[in-house]
Amino acid sequence: MPRSSGSYSTSDLSRKSGDIIAEALRHPVTITQRNKPRLVLLNIEDYERLMKQSDRRSVGTIGTMSDEPFAEFENAVETYAGEDEAGR
């Protein structure tokens, strides 16, 4: 039956695919090969949430930042510089 850790071998996947899929619908399940984690099965909602989170991350430069994040960045730098000067 399912291991408590939510981890199965590739041979378990062949023999117990129904049970493993049922568990993966509740929480992510790790599939191991030769005792090393190789795959993760997760439900579509968790997958879509992860993909949305990754979409929000982007590469840019200070010049491409919108005003609000740039102001937050500028304030953080000024605060850090002030703390550094006070510590000297």
N, C-alpha and C. Protein backbone atom coordinates (compact mmCIF):
# COMPACT_ATOMS: atom_id res chain seq x y z
N MET A 1 0.85 -1.20 0.00
CA MET A 1 0.00 0.00 0.00
C MET A 1 0.88 1.25 0.00
N PRO A 2 0.33 2.48 -0.11
CA PRO A 2 1.15 3.68 -0.20
C PRO A 2 2.08 3.85 0.99
N ARG A 3 3.26 4.32 0.69
CA ARG A 3 4.19 4.64 1.77
C ARG A 3 3.76 5.96 2.37
N SER A 4 4.06 6.16 3.63
CA SER A 4 3.61 7.37 4.32
C SER A 4 4.29 8.62 3.78
N SER A 5 5.46 8.47 3.14
CA SER A 5 6.19 9.63 2.67
C SER A 5 5.72 10.13 1.32
N GLY A 6 4.80 9.40 0.64
CA GLY A 6 4.36 9.82 -0.68
C GLY A 6 5.43 9.60 -1.73
N SER A 7 6.24 8.58 -1.54
CA SER A 7 7.32 8.27 -2.46
C SER A 7 7.19 6.82 -2.92
N TYR A 8 7.35 6.61 -4.22
CA TYR A 8 7.22 5.28 -4.81
C TYR A 8 8.33 5.06 -5.82
N SER A 9 8.69 3.81 -6.02
CA SER A 9 9.68 3.47 -7.04
C SER A 9 9.01 3.37 -8.40
N THR A 10 9.81 3.35 -9.45
CA THR A 10 9.24 3.18 -10.79
C THR A 10 8.56 1.84 -10.92
N SER A 11 9.05 0.81 -10.23
CA SER A 11 8.37 -0.48 -10.29
C SER A 11 7.02 -0.43 -9.57
N ASP A 12 6.93 0.36 -8.47
CA ASP A 12 5.63 0.57 -7.81
C ASP A 12 4.66 1.23 -8.77
N LEU A 13 5.16 2.15 -9.57
CA LEU A 13 4.30 2.86 -10.52
C LEU A 13 3.69 1.89 -11.52
N SER A 14 4.47 0.91 -11.93
CA SER A 14 3.94 -0.11 -12.85
C SER A 14 2.87 -0.97 -12.19
N ARG A 15 3.09 -1.34 -10.94
CA ARG A 15 2.19 -2.27 -10.25
C ARG A 15 1.00 -1.58 -9.60
N LYS A 16 1.16 -0.37 -9.13
CA LYS A 16 0.14 0.29 -8.31
C LYS A 16 -0.28 1.63 -8.88
N SER A 17 -0.32 1.77 -10.19
CA SER A 17 -0.57 3.07 -10.79
C SER A 17 -1.86 3.71 -10.31
N GLY A 18 -2.91 2.93 -10.16
CA GLY A 18 -4.19 3.49 -9.69
C GLY A 18 -4.10 4.10 -8.32
N ASP A 19 -3.46 3.39 -7.38
CA ASP A 19 -3.30 3.91 -6.02
C ASP A 19 -2.42 5.15 -6.00
N ILE A 20 -1.36 5.11 -6.79
CA ILE A 20 -0.43 6.24 -6.82
C ILE A 20 -1.10 7.47 -7.42
N ILE A 21 -1.87 7.29 -8.48
CA ILE A 21 -2.58 8.41 -9.08
C ILE A 21 -3.60 8.98 -8.10
N ALA A 22 -4.31 8.12 -7.40
CA ALA A 22 -5.28 8.58 -6.41
C ALA A 22 -4.59 9.41 -5.33
N GLU A 23 -3.43 8.97 -4.89
CA GLU A 23 -2.68 9.73 -3.89
C GLU A 23 -2.19 11.05 -4.46
N ALA A 24 -1.72 11.04 -5.70
CA ALA A 24 -1.21 12.26 -6.34
C ALA A 24 -2.31 13.30 -6.52
N LEU A 25 -3.56 12.88 -6.58
CA LEU A 25 -4.66 13.84 -6.65
C LEU A 25 -4.82 14.59 -5.34
N ARG A 26 -4.35 14.01 -4.24
CA ARG A 26 -4.44 14.65 -2.92
C ARG A 26 -3.22 15.48 -2.59
N HIS A 27 -2.03 14.99 -2.97
CA HIS A 27 -0.78 15.71 -2.69
C HIS A 27 0.31 15.19 -3.62
N PRO A 28 1.37 15.99 -3.85
CA PRO A 28 2.45 15.54 -4.75
C PRO A 28 3.07 14.22 -4.30
N VAL A 29 3.40 13.39 -5.27
CA VAL A 29 4.00 12.08 -5.03
C VAL A 29 5.33 12.02 -5.77
N THR A 30 6.36 11.57 -5.09
CA THR A 30 7.68 11.43 -5.69
C THR A 30 7.85 10.03 -6.24
N ILE A 31 8.40 9.94 -7.46
CA ILE A 31 8.72 8.65 -8.06
C ILE A 31 10.25 8.54 -8.08
N THR A 32 10.74 7.45 -7.51
CA THR A 32 12.19 7.25 -7.43
C THR A 32 12.63 6.18 -8.43
N GLN A 33 13.88 6.28 -8.80
CA GLN A 33 14.51 5.26 -9.64
C GLN A 33 15.89 5.02 -9.05
N ARG A 34 16.15 3.77 -8.70
CA ARG A 34 17.40 3.40 -8.03
C ARG A 34 17.61 4.24 -6.77
N ASN A 35 16.52 4.40 -6.01
CA ASN A 35 16.51 5.12 -4.73
C ASN A 35 16.82 6.61 -4.85
N LYS A 36 16.71 7.19 -6.04
CA LYS A 36 16.91 8.62 -6.22
C LYS A 36 15.62 9.23 -6.76
N PRO A 37 15.20 10.37 -6.21
CA PRO A 37 13.98 11.01 -6.73
C PRO A 37 14.17 11.40 -8.19
N ARG A 38 13.21 11.05 -9.03
CA ARG A 38 13.33 11.32 -10.47
C ARG A 38 12.16 12.11 -11.01
N LEU A 39 10.95 11.90 -10.47
CA LEU A 39 9.74 12.54 -10.98
C LEU A 39 8.84 12.95 -9.83
N VAL A 40 7.95 13.89 -10.11
CA VAL A 40 6.90 14.24 -9.16
C VAL A 40 5.58 14.24 -9.90
N LEU A 41 4.60 13.56 -9.35
CA LEU A 41 3.24 13.58 -9.88
C LEU A 41 2.42 14.50 -8.99
N LEU A 42 1.67 15.42 -9.61
CA LEU A 42 0.83 16.30 -8.83
C LEU A 42 -0.45 16.61 -9.59
N ASN A 43 -1.45 17.03 -8.86
CA ASN A 43 -2.73 17.30 -9.51
C ASN A 43 -2.63 18.56 -10.36
N ILE A 44 -3.57 18.71 -11.28
CA ILE A 44 -3.52 19.80 -12.24
C ILE A 44 -3.63 21.17 -11.58
N GLU A 45 -4.39 21.27 -10.49
CA GLU A 45 -4.52 22.56 -9.80
C GLU A 45 -3.18 23.01 -9.23
N ASP A 46 -2.45 22.09 -8.60
CA ASP A 46 -1.13 22.44 -8.08
C ASP A 46 -0.17 22.80 -9.21
N TYR A 47 -0.23 22.06 -10.30
CA TYR A 47 0.62 22.35 -11.46
C TYR A 47 0.33 23.74 -12.00
N GLU A 48 -0.95 24.05 -12.19
CA GLU A 48 -1.31 25.37 -12.74
C GLU A 48 -0.91 26.49 -11.80
N ARG A 49 -1.05 26.26 -10.47
CA ARG A 49 -0.61 27.27 -9.50
C ARG A 49 0.90 27.51 -9.61
N LEU A 50 1.67 26.45 -9.72
CA LEU A 50 3.12 26.59 -9.88
C LEU A 50 3.48 27.32 -11.17
N MET A 51 2.76 27.00 -12.24
CA MET A 51 3.04 27.66 -13.52
C MET A 51 2.71 29.15 -13.45
N LYS A 52 1.61 29.52 -12.78
CA LYS A 52 1.27 30.94 -12.63
C LYS A 52 2.33 31.65 -11.82
N GLN A 53 2.83 31.00 -10.77
CA GLN A 53 3.89 31.62 -9.96
C GLN A 53 5.14 31.84 -10.79
N SER A 54 5.48 30.89 -11.64
CA SER A 54 6.69 31.04 -12.45
C SER A 54 6.49 32.10 -13.52
N ASP A 55 5.26 32.31 -13.99
CA ASP A 55 4.99 33.34 -14.98
C ASP A 55 5.21 34.73 -14.43
N ARG A 56 5.01 34.90 -13.14
CA ARG A 56 5.18 36.23 -12.54
C ARG A 56 6.64 36.63 -12.44
N ARG A 57 7.52 35.64 -12.47
CA ARG A 57 8.94 35.96 -12.41
C ARG A 57 9.42 36.31 -13.80
N SER A 58 10.18 37.36 -13.90
CA SER A 58 10.71 37.74 -15.20
C SER A 58 12.07 38.39 -15.01
N VAL A 59 12.80 38.39 -16.06
CA VAL A 59 14.12 39.01 -16.05
C VAL A 59 13.98 40.40 -16.64
N GLY A 60 14.64 41.33 -16.04
CA GLY A 60 14.59 42.69 -16.55
C GLY A 60 15.76 43.49 -16.02
N THR A 61 15.72 44.76 -16.26
CA THR A 61 16.74 45.67 -15.76
C THR A 61 16.05 46.75 -14.94
N ILE A 62 16.83 47.52 -14.24
CA ILE A 62 16.26 48.62 -13.47
C ILE A 62 15.49 49.54 -14.40
N GLY A 63 15.99 49.73 -15.61
CA GLY A 63 15.33 50.60 -16.56
C GLY A 63 13.97 50.12 -17.00
N THR A 64 13.70 48.82 -16.88
CA THR A 64 12.40 48.29 -17.31
C THR A 64 11.43 48.13 -16.15
N MET A 65 11.86 48.46 -14.91
CA MET A 65 10.98 48.33 -13.75
C MET A 65 9.91 49.41 -13.78
N SER A 66 8.70 49.04 -13.35
CA SER A 66 7.66 50.05 -13.21
C SER A 66 7.97 50.92 -11.99
N ASP A 67 7.26 52.03 -11.86
CA ASP A 67 7.57 53.02 -10.83
C ASP A 67 7.50 52.48 -9.40
N GLU A 68 6.45 51.72 -9.10
CA GLU A 68 6.28 51.25 -7.72
C GLU A 68 7.40 50.30 -7.28
N PRO A 69 7.70 49.24 -8.03
CA PRO A 69 8.81 48.37 -7.61
C PRO A 69 10.15 49.12 -7.60
N PHE A 70 10.34 50.06 -8.53
CA PHE A 70 11.59 50.82 -8.55
C PHE A 70 11.72 51.66 -7.29
N ALA A 71 10.63 52.30 -6.85
CA ALA A 71 10.67 53.10 -5.63
C ALA A 71 10.97 52.22 -4.42
N GLU A 72 10.38 51.04 -4.35
CA GLU A 72 10.67 50.11 -3.26
C GLU A 72 12.13 49.70 -3.27
N PHE A 73 12.65 49.41 -4.45
CA PHE A 73 14.05 49.03 -4.59
C PHE A 73 14.96 50.17 -4.15
N GLU A 74 14.65 51.39 -4.61
CA GLU A 74 15.45 52.56 -4.28
C GLU A 74 15.45 52.81 -2.77
N ASN A 75 14.28 52.68 -2.14
CA ASN A 75 14.19 52.86 -0.68
C ASN A 75 15.00 51.80 0.06
N ALA A 76 14.94 50.57 -0.40
CA ALA A 76 15.70 49.50 0.24
C ALA A 76 17.19 49.75 0.13
N VAL A 77 17.65 50.20 -1.02
CA VAL A 77 19.08 50.50 -1.21
C VAL A 77 19.50 51.65 -0.30
N GLU A 78 18.68 52.70 -0.24
CA GLU A 78 19.00 53.84 0.62
C GLU A 78 19.04 53.43 2.09
N THR A 79 18.09 52.61 2.51
CA THR A 79 18.07 52.12 3.90
C THR A 79 19.31 51.31 4.20
N TYR A 80 19.65 50.40 3.29
CA TYR A 80 20.84 49.57 3.48
C TYR A 80 22.10 50.44 3.53
N ALA A 81 22.20 51.41 2.64
CA ALA A 81 23.38 52.30 2.62
C ALA A 81 23.47 53.09 3.92
N GLY A 82 22.32 53.56 4.42
CA GLY A 82 22.30 54.30 5.68
C GLY A 82 22.74 53.45 6.85
N GLU A 83 22.28 52.20 6.87
CA GLU A 83 22.69 51.28 7.94
C GLU A 83 24.16 50.97 7.85
N ASP A 84 24.68 50.86 6.64
CA ASP A 84 26.10 50.58 6.45
C ASP A 84 26.96 51.75 6.93
N GLU A 85 26.53 52.97 6.62
CA GLU A 85 27.26 54.15 7.07
C GLU A 85 27.22 54.28 8.58
N ALA A 86 26.08 53.98 9.18
CA ALA A 86 25.93 54.09 10.64
C ALA A 86 26.80 53.05 11.34
N GLY A 87 27.04 51.92 10.71
CA GLY A 87 27.81 50.84 11.31
C GLY A 87 29.30 51.06 11.23
N ARG A 88 29.74 52.02 10.48
CA ARG A 88 31.19 52.26 10.33
C ARG A 88 31.76 53.08 11.41
